[in-house]
Amino acid sequence: MAQQAAFASIPDVVKRFIVHFHQAVLENNLAEITVAYESGWNRLTEKFYAKTEWPEAEVIAPLVNDDQIFLILYRELYYRHVYSRLQPDIDDRFHSYENSCELFNYLLNSDGPVPLQLPEQWLWDIIDEFIYQFQSFCTWRTKVKSKTDEELQLLGEGNQVWSSYSVLNVLYSLIQKSKINEHILALQEGKSTEEIAEIVGEYGVRPLYRMLGYFSIIGLLRVHSLLGDFTLALKVMENVELNQKSPFTRVTACHVTTYYYVGFCYIMLRRYSDAIRAFVSILNFILRMRQYHTRSYQYDQINKTADRMYALFAICNALSPSRLDDNIFNTAKERFGEQITKMSRGEEGIPAFEELFIYACPKFISANPPPYEDPELLQAYIDDPPVEPIQRHLSLFLSEVRAQVPVPTLRSFLKLYTSLDAKKLANFLDADEEEMVQQMMVMKQASRSISRVENGKGLLDGQTISTSDLDFVIDDNMVHIAESTVGRRYAGWFIRNTEHAQRVYDTIKSSPLPPRKVNVTQTQPAQAAPAPPRNAGAKVAWGGIKVA
């Protein structure tokens, strides 16, 4: 009776939408599925379910003839709505994991490829939400003190729920089943469609499996970053090319996520020039596509990620000054100008580094859950909790920052001279000559970094380059300084100003004309202005009068 009452309370427009959505999925009608997924679902959510759950799958089952596959997909949307708009309880967290297992078991363990087609945006969202729910569960699971007795018991019994192993197993299985790495390599080698089909097999030729495998590579980049293995995170991206032709660019949220995690991994590996290039590329893309993003339901999320990347860009620029893109630097300065100023002040700037890092870094997770199954070990865990993952990574990052504390001050003195006596420089630094040499070696080391080469294979490959525009040598007691100035990049300057002029022109062109002013109090017709005398002077080309 409760289920019948719940069914009766569903608005008719929602019932019609579910029936239509189910029919589109049955017919593999990608156009209709896309409209229902990106437009219909979100419109009805705002209207009827902004602060409540959608009807449970068991309630709407009669509308879809108890189609279990559609109900799995429906639950995927249902739990995503709970996580994004509401507060999931422990039942929601366990059941969303069970539904994810059912979905991936259906895709991976069926007899042959499944007869299902879904839009690329939905396929990315499935992988993205799967990882987000795993991350959310891991964060919630570590807060032992807030758990009720019932939750403690359930967590003790279900210690494999949302385990790191099961999540990684799903992503690696999708990559293996789709043979996506072999597909990417075959494309790079220029093989024909028939040769690629023979290489990837019956699963790899299906768009569903191919894109799920591809998005799983990006998912692994994210998961390994969350777990703190930044080298492995970039290693799994070995075959993916970071350019505008890669498949991940077809889904904007995937495009932004990829560059965010690649850039962050480079920061943690101290490859700041590579991180800056990644952030500049994606932030310029977001600026160019701003009008398109406003129509996307993920507009807010893309903007938040962009803000975090501006903060990371500011950190990179403080640790490895660069003039790669003035436009991005000026935008970062508008948003984080106070922190950028502080970061150039040596020891005083460390709190600014800490503030930006905590704001912009991923929400790290611990791979191992608390020992819920053993009360004694759990009590010891509560009495002496381990270091939070974010604090552990922050301390590692700040150790690198502290090592470079003397660099900005030393750099500011060296920029004033072409040659300088070592003793005089030591006096400027309030240090003895031995300590001064140590600081100069730190600066020399900070200006060396591994950087990717053009058309290089893999994101980890590269060669050592100088990242500073300032170099020096010590000859006896003299320090000789050489500074290379970077000229303005005129092409980028003209493009930015041309785009700005075009936007101003479009705004003026689309604006309505101002209403014509009529002086209603005027009763007498205005007298005509006297004509200028003929001999007052001849008109010149720009409309003035040539004075004799």
Protein backbone atom coordinates (compact mmCIF):
# COMPACT_ATOMS: atom_id res chain seq x y z
CA MET A 1 0.00 0.00 0.00
CA ALA A 2 2.88 2.37 0.75
CA GLN A 3 4.36 1.64 -2.65
CA GLN A 4 1.01 2.26 -4.34
CA ALA A 5 0.67 5.55 -2.49
CA ALA A 6 4.18 6.55 -3.56
CA PHE A 7 3.37 5.67 -7.17
CA ALA A 8 0.17 7.71 -7.05
CA SER A 9 2.09 10.74 -5.75
CA ILE A 10 4.39 10.84 -8.81
CA PRO A 11 3.37 13.76 -11.09
CA ASP A 12 2.00 12.69 -14.47
CA VAL A 13 4.71 14.63 -16.32
CA VAL A 14 7.38 12.63 -14.47
CA LYS A 15 5.65 9.35 -15.32
CA ARG A 16 5.52 10.32 -19.00
CA PHE A 17 9.19 11.30 -18.90
CA ILE A 18 10.24 7.95 -17.39
CA VAL A 19 8.23 6.00 -19.98
CA HIS A 20 9.72 8.09 -22.79
CA PHE A 21 13.25 7.75 -21.34
CA HIS A 22 12.85 3.96 -21.07
CA GLN A 23 11.64 3.72 -24.67
CA ALA A 24 14.62 5.73 -25.91
CA VAL A 25 17.04 3.42 -24.05
CA LEU A 26 15.28 0.30 -25.44
CA GLU A 27 15.59 1.65 -28.99
CA ASN A 28 19.18 2.88 -28.46
CA ASN A 29 18.03 6.27 -29.74
CA LEU A 30 21.06 8.36 -28.81
CA ALA A 31 19.47 11.69 -29.73
CA GLU A 32 16.42 11.11 -27.50
CA ILE A 33 18.54 9.66 -24.67
CA THR A 34 20.81 12.73 -24.78
CA VAL A 35 17.87 15.15 -24.60
CA ALA A 36 16.25 13.20 -21.75
CA TYR A 37 19.52 12.89 -19.84
CA GLU A 38 20.94 16.41 -20.25
CA SER A 39 17.72 18.40 -20.34
CA GLY A 40 14.63 16.51 -19.17
CA TRP A 41 16.11 14.98 -16.01
CA ASN A 42 17.60 18.27 -14.81
CA ARG A 43 14.47 20.28 -15.63
CA LEU A 44 12.20 17.91 -13.68
CA THR A 45 14.71 17.78 -10.82
CA GLU A 46 14.57 21.56 -10.44
CA LYS A 47 10.77 21.54 -10.62
CA PHE A 48 9.82 18.58 -8.42
CA TYR A 49 12.88 17.11 -6.65
CA ALA A 50 15.21 20.00 -5.85
CA LYS A 51 15.18 19.10 -2.12
CA THR A 52 13.79 15.57 -2.12
CA GLU A 53 14.72 12.20 -3.58
CA TRP A 54 13.37 10.97 -6.89
CA PRO A 55 10.93 8.02 -6.63
CA GLU A 56 12.73 4.79 -5.79
CA ALA A 57 13.39 2.34 -8.59
CA GLU A 58 10.92 -0.21 -7.15
CA VAL A 59 8.16 2.42 -7.28
CA ILE A 60 8.62 3.30 -10.97
CA ALA A 61 9.28 -0.34 -12.01
CA PRO A 62 5.68 -0.85 -13.33
CA LEU A 63 6.18 2.05 -15.75
CA VAL A 64 9.14 0.31 -17.42
CA ASN A 65 7.84 -3.28 -17.32
CA ASP A 66 10.34 -4.09 -14.56
CA ASP A 67 13.27 -3.68 -17.00
CA GLN A 68 16.24 -4.43 -14.72
CA ILE A 69 18.84 -2.81 -16.97
CA PHE A 70 16.93 0.46 -17.15
CA LEU A 71 16.34 0.33 -13.38
CA ILE A 72 20.11 0.03 -12.81
CA LEU A 73 20.65 3.11 -14.98
CA TYR A 74 17.81 4.88 -13.17
CA ARG A 75 19.36 4.10 -9.79
CA GLU A 76 22.67 5.52 -11.04
CA LEU A 77 20.89 8.83 -11.66
CA TYR A 78 18.90 8.50 -8.42
CA TYR A 79 21.97 8.11 -6.20
CA ARG A 80 23.88 10.80 -8.07
CA HIS A 81 21.02 13.17 -7.25
CA VAL A 82 21.17 12.12 -3.56
CA TYR A 83 24.93 12.77 -3.39
CA SER A 84 24.78 16.13 -5.16
CA ARG A 85 21.60 17.68 -3.71
CA LEU A 86 20.94 15.84 -0.42
CA GLN A 87 22.88 14.21 2.38
CA PRO A 88 23.43 10.47 1.79
CA ASP A 89 23.05 8.18 4.81
CA ILE A 90 24.85 4.86 5.29
CA ASP A 91 22.12 2.95 3.41
CA ASP A 92 22.49 5.24 0.40
CA ARG A 93 26.27 4.76 0.44
CA PHE A 94 26.02 0.96 0.61
CA HIS A 95 23.23 0.71 -1.96
CA SER A 96 24.95 3.04 -4.44
CA TYR A 97 27.99 0.74 -4.26
CA GLU A 98 25.80 -2.32 -4.86
CA ASN A 99 24.16 -0.63 -7.85
CA SER A 100 27.57 0.29 -9.31
CA CYS A 101 28.65 -3.34 -8.93
CA GLU A 102 25.50 -4.51 -10.74
CA LEU A 103 26.09 -2.05 -13.58
CA PHE A 104 29.74 -2.98 -14.11
CA ASN A 105 29.05 -6.71 -13.70
CA TYR A 106 26.44 -6.40 -16.45
CA LEU A 107 28.90 -4.60 -18.74
CA LEU A 108 31.93 -6.78 -18.02
CA ASN A 109 30.53 -10.26 -17.34
CA SER A 110 27.74 -10.60 -19.89
CA ASP A 111 28.05 -13.12 -22.72
CA GLY A 112 29.53 -10.81 -25.32
CA PRO A 113 29.13 -7.02 -25.65
CA VAL A 114 25.83 -5.70 -24.28
CA PRO A 115 23.32 -4.16 -26.75
CA LEU A 116 23.34 -0.74 -25.10
CA GLN A 117 24.25 2.71 -26.35
CA LEU A 118 24.62 5.78 -24.15
CA PRO A 119 25.84 9.32 -24.93
CA GLU A 120 29.49 10.08 -24.18
CA GLN A 121 28.53 12.66 -21.56
CA TRP A 122 26.62 10.01 -19.57
CA LEU A 123 29.45 7.49 -19.90
CA TRP A 124 31.90 10.03 -18.48
CA ASP A 125 29.47 10.91 -15.69
CA ILE A 126 29.15 7.22 -14.75
CA ILE A 127 32.93 6.92 -14.26
CA ASP A 128 33.22 10.35 -12.66
CA GLU A 129 30.38 9.72 -10.19
CA PHE A 130 31.69 6.24 -9.36
CA ILE A 131 35.01 7.77 -8.28
CA TYR A 132 33.34 10.68 -6.49
CA GLN A 133 31.15 8.34 -4.42
CA PHE A 134 34.24 6.26 -3.56
CA GLN A 135 36.07 9.43 -2.50
CA SER A 136 33.07 10.65 -0.49
CA PHE A 137 32.74 7.28 1.28
CA CYS A 138 36.45 7.17 2.17
CA THR A 139 36.27 10.66 3.67
CA TRP A 140 33.08 9.83 5.62
CA ARG A 141 34.49 6.48 6.78
CA THR A 142 37.52 8.03 8.51
CA LYS A 143 35.35 10.14 10.86
CA VAL A 144 35.03 7.41 13.49
CA LYS A 145 33.82 9.52 16.41
CA SER A 146 30.64 10.63 14.64
CA LYS A 147 29.43 7.07 13.91
CA THR A 148 26.46 5.46 15.68
CA ASP A 149 26.65 1.89 17.03
CA GLU A 150 24.61 0.63 14.07
CA GLU A 151 26.96 2.34 11.59
CA LEU A 152 30.00 0.91 13.39
CA GLN A 153 28.54 -2.59 13.10
CA LEU A 154 27.67 -2.19 9.41
CA LEU A 155 31.14 -0.84 8.63
CA GLY A 156 32.74 -3.71 10.52
CA GLU A 157 30.75 -6.27 8.51
CA GLY A 158 31.12 -4.51 5.15
CA ASN A 159 34.82 -3.69 5.12
CA GLN A 160 35.01 -4.48 1.37
CA VAL A 161 32.38 -1.88 0.45
CA TRP A 162 34.02 0.89 -1.60
CA SER A 163 37.45 -0.64 -1.08
CA SER A 164 40.32 0.81 -3.13
CA TYR A 165 40.95 -2.61 -4.63
CA SER A 166 37.40 -2.98 -5.98
CA VAL A 167 37.39 0.52 -7.51
CA LEU A 168 40.78 0.07 -9.18
CA ASN A 169 39.71 -3.40 -10.35
CA VAL A 170 36.67 -1.95 -12.16
CA LEU A 171 38.71 0.74 -13.93
CA TYR A 172 41.52 -1.61 -14.98
CA SER A 173 38.95 -4.22 -16.13
CA LEU A 174 37.19 -1.69 -18.36
CA ILE A 175 40.53 -0.68 -19.88
CA GLN A 176 41.48 -4.31 -20.48
CA LYS A 177 38.07 -5.32 -21.85
CA SER A 178 37.95 -2.42 -24.31
CA LYS A 179 41.64 -2.73 -25.31
CA ILE A 180 41.66 1.06 -25.40
CA ASN A 181 45.45 1.39 -25.11
CA GLU A 182 45.89 -0.87 -28.14
CA HIS A 183 43.26 1.21 -29.96
CA ILE A 184 45.08 4.49 -29.21
CA LEU A 185 48.45 3.07 -30.33
CA ALA A 186 46.93 1.70 -33.54
CA LEU A 187 45.46 5.12 -34.33
CA GLN A 188 48.83 6.80 -33.71
CA GLU A 189 50.48 4.32 -36.07
CA GLY A 190 47.93 5.17 -38.77
CA LYS A 191 46.36 1.73 -39.10
CA SER A 192 43.15 1.29 -41.08
CA THR A 193 39.69 0.83 -39.57
CA GLU A 194 39.72 -2.88 -40.44
CA GLU A 195 43.13 -3.41 -38.83
CA ILE A 196 42.03 -1.58 -35.67
CA ALA A 197 38.84 -3.65 -35.48
CA GLU A 198 40.91 -6.84 -35.66
CA ILE A 199 43.25 -5.59 -32.91
CA VAL A 200 40.61 -4.44 -30.40
CA GLY A 201 38.11 -7.28 -30.91
CA GLU A 202 34.34 -7.36 -30.48
CA TYR A 203 34.30 -5.19 -27.34
CA GLY A 204 36.71 -2.51 -28.53
CA VAL A 205 34.72 -1.72 -31.68
CA ARG A 206 31.65 -0.79 -29.63
CA PRO A 207 31.50 2.95 -28.76
CA LEU A 208 30.10 2.07 -25.30
CA TYR A 209 33.12 -0.02 -24.28
CA ARG A 210 35.66 2.10 -26.14
CA MET A 211 34.62 5.33 -24.38
CA LEU A 212 34.20 3.65 -20.98
CA GLY A 213 37.72 2.29 -21.32
CA TYR A 214 39.04 5.69 -22.37
CA PHE A 215 37.30 7.49 -19.50
CA SER A 216 38.61 4.81 -17.12
CA ILE A 217 42.16 5.93 -17.99
CA ILE A 218 41.24 9.46 -16.88
CA GLY A 219 39.54 7.90 -13.84
CA LEU A 220 42.77 6.10 -12.91
CA LEU A 221 44.66 9.37 -13.22
CA ARG A 222 42.26 10.80 -10.65
CA VAL A 223 42.22 7.81 -8.27
CA HIS A 224 46.00 7.45 -8.16
CA SER A 225 46.29 11.21 -7.54
CA LEU A 226 43.81 10.94 -4.65
CA LEU A 227 45.85 8.06 -3.22
CA GLY A 228 49.07 10.08 -3.55
CA ASP A 229 50.85 8.06 -6.26
CA PHE A 230 51.54 10.88 -8.73
CA THR A 231 54.09 9.00 -10.83
CA LEU A 232 51.70 6.08 -11.45
CA ALA A 233 48.90 8.58 -12.15
CA LEU A 234 50.88 10.03 -15.08
CA LYS A 235 52.13 6.56 -16.10
CA VAL A 236 48.59 5.30 -16.82
CA MET A 237 48.19 8.32 -19.16
CA GLU A 238 51.22 7.21 -21.15
CA ASN A 239 49.35 6.70 -24.42
CA VAL A 240 46.93 9.64 -24.11
CA GLU A 241 47.99 12.74 -26.02
CA LEU A 242 47.32 16.13 -24.42
CA ASN A 243 46.00 18.02 -27.41
CA GLN A 244 42.75 19.38 -28.80
CA LYS A 245 42.19 16.26 -30.95
CA SER A 246 42.04 13.77 -28.08
CA PRO A 247 38.66 12.13 -27.34
CA PHE A 248 38.50 13.54 -23.81
CA THR A 249 37.98 17.03 -25.28
CA ARG A 250 34.53 15.99 -26.54
CA VAL A 251 33.22 16.09 -22.95
CA THR A 252 34.10 19.44 -21.37
CA ALA A 253 34.05 18.18 -17.77
CA CYS A 254 36.44 15.35 -18.70
CA HIS A 255 38.70 17.80 -20.55
CA VAL A 256 38.95 20.10 -17.50
CA THR A 257 39.42 17.19 -15.05
CA THR A 258 42.24 15.71 -17.13
CA TYR A 259 44.30 18.89 -17.22
CA TYR A 260 43.63 19.67 -13.55
CA TYR A 261 45.01 16.33 -12.31
CA VAL A 262 47.89 16.26 -14.82
CA GLY A 263 48.91 19.76 -13.72
CA PHE A 264 48.66 18.88 -10.04
CA CYS A 265 50.75 15.72 -10.51
CA TYR A 266 53.43 17.82 -12.17
CA ILE A 267 53.44 20.20 -9.18
CA MET A 268 53.96 17.34 -6.73
CA LEU A 269 56.77 16.01 -8.94
CA ARG A 270 58.34 19.52 -8.93
CA ARG A 271 57.91 19.93 -12.68
CA TYR A 272 56.48 23.43 -12.46
CA SER A 273 57.03 24.45 -16.09
CA ASP A 274 55.00 21.43 -17.30
CA ALA A 275 52.28 22.26 -14.75
CA ILE A 276 52.14 25.88 -15.93
CA ARG A 277 51.78 24.79 -19.56
CA ALA A 278 48.93 22.42 -18.65
CA PHE A 279 47.06 25.10 -16.66
CA VAL A 280 47.56 27.80 -19.31
CA SER A 281 46.22 25.48 -22.02
CA ILE A 282 43.01 24.53 -20.21
CA LEU A 283 42.35 27.97 -18.68
CA ASN A 284 42.58 29.61 -22.10
CA PHE A 285 40.17 26.97 -23.40
CA ILE A 286 37.70 27.75 -20.59
CA LEU A 287 37.94 31.48 -21.34
CA ARG A 288 37.27 30.90 -25.05
CA MET A 289 34.35 28.56 -24.37
CA ARG A 290 32.77 30.59 -21.56
CA GLN A 291 29.52 31.30 -23.43
CA TYR A 292 29.08 27.61 -24.24
CA HIS A 293 29.72 26.61 -20.63
CA THR A 294 26.86 28.78 -19.37
CA ARG A 295 24.50 26.43 -21.17
CA SER A 296 26.05 23.36 -19.53
CA TYR A 297 24.51 21.90 -16.37
CA GLN A 298 28.11 21.46 -15.15
CA TYR A 299 28.88 25.18 -15.46
CA ASP A 300 29.35 25.72 -11.72
CA GLN A 301 31.64 22.71 -11.33
CA ILE A 302 33.82 23.80 -14.27
CA ASN A 303 34.12 27.30 -12.79
CA LYS A 304 35.14 25.94 -9.37
CA THR A 305 37.81 23.74 -10.94
CA ALA A 306 39.05 26.72 -12.99
CA ASP A 307 39.41 28.80 -9.80
CA ARG A 308 41.45 26.03 -8.20
CA MET A 309 43.71 25.89 -11.26
CA TYR A 310 44.28 29.66 -11.10
CA ALA A 311 45.44 29.14 -7.50
CA LEU A 312 47.76 26.30 -8.55
CA PHE A 313 49.06 28.45 -11.42
CA ALA A 314 49.88 31.19 -8.89
CA ILE A 315 51.82 28.66 -6.77
CA CYS A 316 53.79 27.44 -9.81
CA ASN A 317 54.59 30.98 -10.90
CA ALA A 318 55.88 31.81 -7.40
CA LEU A 319 58.16 28.75 -7.36
CA SER A 320 59.22 28.97 -11.00
CA PRO A 321 58.58 32.48 -12.45
CA SER A 322 57.50 32.37 -16.07
CA ARG A 323 56.02 34.69 -18.68
CA LEU A 324 54.20 31.97 -20.56
CA ASP A 325 50.86 33.81 -20.66
CA ASP A 326 50.31 37.32 -19.29
CA ASN A 327 46.55 37.05 -19.64
CA ILE A 328 46.27 34.04 -17.33
CA PHE A 329 48.73 35.58 -14.86
CA ASN A 330 46.69 38.82 -14.73
CA THR A 331 43.49 36.86 -14.06
CA ALA A 332 45.22 34.89 -11.30
CA LYS A 333 46.49 38.17 -9.86
CA GLU A 334 42.94 39.58 -9.79
CA ARG A 335 41.70 36.57 -7.81
CA PHE A 336 44.68 35.80 -5.58
CA GLY A 337 46.68 39.04 -5.68
CA GLU A 338 47.20 39.20 -1.92
CA GLN A 339 48.59 35.65 -1.73
CA ILE A 340 50.80 36.20 -4.81
CA THR A 341 52.35 39.25 -3.14
CA LYS A 342 52.96 37.34 0.11
CA MET A 343 54.50 34.32 -1.66
CA SER A 344 57.36 36.49 -2.91
CA ARG A 345 58.41 37.45 0.66
CA GLY A 346 60.34 34.35 1.63
CA GLU A 347 59.48 32.93 5.05
CA GLU A 348 56.51 35.30 5.42
CA GLY A 349 54.90 33.77 2.34
CA ILE A 350 54.66 30.18 3.61
CA PRO A 351 51.14 30.69 5.08
CA ALA A 352 50.01 31.95 1.65
CA PHE A 353 51.40 28.80 -0.02
CA GLU A 354 49.60 26.70 2.59
CA GLU A 355 46.31 28.56 2.08
CA LEU A 356 46.34 28.19 -1.71
CA PHE A 357 47.46 24.55 -1.58
CA ILE A 358 44.67 23.51 0.80
CA TYR A 359 42.12 25.41 -1.33
CA ALA A 360 43.24 24.02 -4.67
CA CYS A 361 44.51 20.48 -4.03
CA PRO A 362 42.35 17.36 -4.54
CA LYS A 363 40.57 15.96 -1.49
CA PHE A 364 43.06 13.19 -0.76
CA ILE A 365 41.90 9.87 0.65
CA SER A 366 43.46 7.08 2.67
CA ALA A 367 43.58 3.68 0.99
CA ASN A 368 43.13 1.78 4.26
CA PRO A 369 39.91 2.07 6.33
CA PRO A 370 39.89 2.31 10.13
CA PRO A 371 39.82 -1.17 11.79
CA TYR A 372 36.06 -1.27 12.40
CA GLU A 373 36.09 -5.06 12.66
CA ASP A 374 38.31 -5.01 15.80
CA PRO A 375 37.03 -2.87 18.75
CA GLU A 376 40.45 -2.77 20.49
CA LEU A 377 42.31 -1.63 17.38
CA LEU A 378 39.52 0.85 16.63
CA GLN A 379 39.89 2.40 20.10
CA ALA A 380 43.65 2.68 19.57
CA TYR A 381 42.91 4.31 16.20
CA ILE A 382 40.63 6.86 17.93
CA ASP A 383 43.18 7.57 20.68
CA ASP A 384 46.05 8.03 18.26
CA PRO A 385 44.62 8.84 14.79
CA PRO A 386 46.98 8.79 11.80
CA VAL A 387 47.97 11.97 10.00
CA GLU A 388 45.26 13.21 7.61
CA PRO A 389 46.25 12.54 3.96
CA ILE A 390 45.92 16.22 3.06
CA GLN A 391 48.23 17.22 5.94
CA ARG A 392 50.78 14.63 4.88
CA HIS A 393 50.89 15.96 1.31
CA LEU A 394 50.87 19.55 2.54
CA SER A 395 53.94 18.92 4.73
CA LEU A 396 55.79 17.36 1.76
CA PHE A 397 54.91 20.33 -0.43
CA LEU A 398 55.89 22.91 2.20
CA SER A 399 59.26 21.21 2.73
CA GLU A 400 60.01 22.01 -0.93
CA VAL A 401 58.75 25.58 -0.47
CA ARG A 402 60.90 26.14 2.64
CA ALA A 403 63.97 24.91 0.78
CA GLN A 404 63.39 27.69 -1.75
CA VAL A 405 62.67 30.46 0.81
CA PRO A 406 65.97 32.32 0.15
CA VAL A 407 65.50 32.30 -3.63
CA PRO A 408 63.21 35.38 -4.11
CA THR A 409 65.44 37.63 -1.98
CA LEU A 410 68.64 36.42 -3.65
CA ARG A 411 67.02 36.77 -7.07
CA SER A 412 65.97 40.36 -6.35
CA PHE A 413 69.60 41.35 -5.55
CA LEU A 414 71.11 39.52 -8.54
CA LYS A 415 68.72 41.25 -10.96
CA LEU A 416 70.27 44.60 -10.00
CA TYR A 417 73.80 43.71 -11.13
CA THR A 418 75.76 42.18 -13.98
CA SER A 419 78.68 41.40 -11.69
CA LEU A 420 78.99 41.58 -7.94
CA ASP A 421 81.62 40.89 -5.31
CA ALA A 422 80.74 37.78 -3.29
CA LYS A 423 81.51 39.45 0.00
CA LYS A 424 79.23 42.37 -0.85
CA LEU A 425 76.41 39.96 -1.79
CA ALA A 426 76.86 38.10 1.49
CA ASN A 427 76.50 41.41 3.36
CA PHE A 428 73.27 42.13 1.47
CA LEU A 429 71.93 38.73 2.57
CA ASP A 430 73.12 39.10 6.18
CA ALA A 431 74.97 35.81 5.86
CA ASP A 432 78.53 34.56 5.68
CA GLU A 433 80.02 33.55 2.34
CA GLU A 434 79.57 29.82 2.91
CA GLU A 435 75.86 30.26 3.67
CA MET A 436 75.55 32.56 0.65
CA VAL A 437 77.01 29.86 -1.62
CA GLN A 438 74.51 27.34 -0.23
CA GLN A 439 71.64 29.73 -1.04
CA MET A 440 73.00 30.24 -4.57
CA MET A 441 73.17 26.48 -5.09
CA VAL A 442 69.56 26.19 -3.92
CA MET A 443 68.62 28.85 -6.48
CA LYS A 444 70.60 27.04 -9.18
CA GLN A 445 68.83 23.77 -8.35
CA ALA A 446 65.42 25.48 -8.28
CA SER A 447 66.02 26.82 -11.79
CA ARG A 448 66.57 23.30 -13.18
CA SER A 449 63.62 21.07 -13.96
CA ILE A 450 62.62 18.12 -16.11
CA SER A 451 60.29 19.28 -18.86
CA ARG A 452 58.41 17.54 -21.63
CA VAL A 453 59.83 17.85 -25.12
CA GLU A 454 57.68 18.58 -28.14
CA ASN A 455 56.03 15.41 -29.48
CA GLY A 456 57.48 13.47 -26.57
CA LYS A 457 56.13 10.03 -25.74
CA GLY A 458 54.35 9.89 -22.38
CA LEU A 459 53.76 12.51 -19.72
CA LEU A 460 56.68 11.37 -17.55
CA ASP A 461 59.35 11.67 -20.25
CA GLY A 462 61.36 14.86 -20.60
CA GLN A 463 64.75 16.49 -20.41
CA THR A 464 66.42 18.82 -17.93
CA ILE A 465 66.03 22.50 -18.82
CA SER A 466 66.63 25.87 -17.19
CA THR A 467 63.36 27.45 -16.07
CA SER A 468 64.78 30.80 -14.96
CA ASP A 469 65.61 33.90 -16.99
CA LEU A 470 68.49 34.57 -14.57
CA ASP A 471 71.77 32.64 -14.52
CA PHE A 472 75.09 33.21 -12.82
CA VAL A 473 78.60 31.83 -12.38
CA ILE A 474 81.05 32.31 -9.51
CA ASP A 475 84.61 33.13 -10.63
CA ASP A 476 87.01 33.49 -7.70
CA ASN A 477 85.33 36.12 -5.52
CA MET A 478 83.09 37.59 -8.22
CA VAL A 479 79.55 36.60 -9.11
CA HIS A 480 78.75 37.21 -12.80
CA ILE A 481 75.04 37.44 -13.64
CA ALA A 482 73.40 36.96 -17.04
CA GLU A 483 69.73 37.79 -17.55
CA SER A 484 67.76 36.79 -20.64
CA THR A 485 64.70 38.94 -21.26
CA VAL A 486 61.61 37.41 -22.80
CA GLY A 487 60.04 39.62 -25.42
CA ARG A 488 56.34 40.20 -25.71
CA ARG A 489 54.50 37.50 -27.60
CA TYR A 490 52.86 39.70 -30.18
CA ALA A 491 50.68 37.00 -31.73
CA GLY A 492 48.91 36.26 -28.44
CA TRP A 493 48.64 39.98 -27.64
CA PHE A 494 46.94 40.76 -30.96
CA ILE A 495 44.63 37.74 -30.71
CA ARG A 496 43.46 38.69 -27.20
CA ASN A 497 42.83 42.31 -28.17
CA THR A 498 41.11 41.30 -31.42
CA GLU A 499 38.78 39.00 -29.45
CA HIS A 500 38.10 41.82 -26.98
CA ALA A 501 37.32 44.25 -29.80
CA GLN A 502 35.00 41.69 -31.39
CA ARG A 503 33.12 41.20 -28.10
CA VAL A 504 32.72 44.97 -27.69
CA TYR A 505 31.48 45.27 -31.28
CA ASP A 506 28.99 42.40 -30.83
CA THR A 507 27.67 43.97 -27.61
CA ILE A 508 27.14 47.34 -29.28
CA LYS A 509 25.59 45.73 -32.34
CA SER A 510 23.08 43.72 -30.30
CA SER A 511 22.13 46.66 -28.06
CA PRO A 512 18.87 48.52 -28.91
CA LEU A 513 19.11 52.05 -30.25
CA PRO A 514 18.41 54.78 -27.68
CA PRO A 515 14.93 56.36 -27.98
CA ARG A 516 14.77 59.62 -29.91
CA LYS A 517 14.38 62.64 -27.64
CA VAL A 518 11.45 64.96 -28.49
CA ASN A 519 11.15 68.41 -26.87
CA VAL A 520 7.38 68.57 -26.22
CA THR A 521 7.54 72.07 -24.70
CA GLN A 522 8.79 73.59 -27.91
CA THR A 523 5.90 75.43 -29.67
CA GLN A 524 7.76 77.55 -32.23
CA PRO A 525 9.55 75.85 -35.08
CA ALA A 526 13.29 76.07 -34.72
CA GLN A 527 14.97 78.49 -37.05
CA ALA A 528 17.29 77.00 -39.55
CA ALA A 529 20.96 77.48 -38.80
CA PRO A 530 22.56 80.03 -41.09
CA ALA A 531 24.55 78.50 -43.90
CA PRO A 532 28.28 79.09 -43.77
CA PRO A 533 29.57 81.68 -46.22
CA ARG A 534 30.84 80.23 -49.47
CA ASN A 535 34.22 81.77 -49.08
CA ALA A 536 34.68 80.46 -45.50
CA GLY A 537 37.14 77.87 -46.67
CA ALA A 538 37.24 74.60 -48.58
CA LYS A 539 36.49 71.25 -46.92
CA VAL A 540 39.43 68.97 -46.35
CA ALA A 541 39.52 65.15 -46.34
CA TRP A 542 38.69 64.67 -42.64
CA GLY A 543 35.62 66.96 -42.67
CA GLY A 544 37.12 70.19 -41.28
CA ILE A 545 37.44 73.59 -42.92
CA LYS A 546 40.68 74.61 -44.46
CA VAL A 547 41.55 78.04 -43.10
CA ALA A 548 42.98 80.48 -45.60
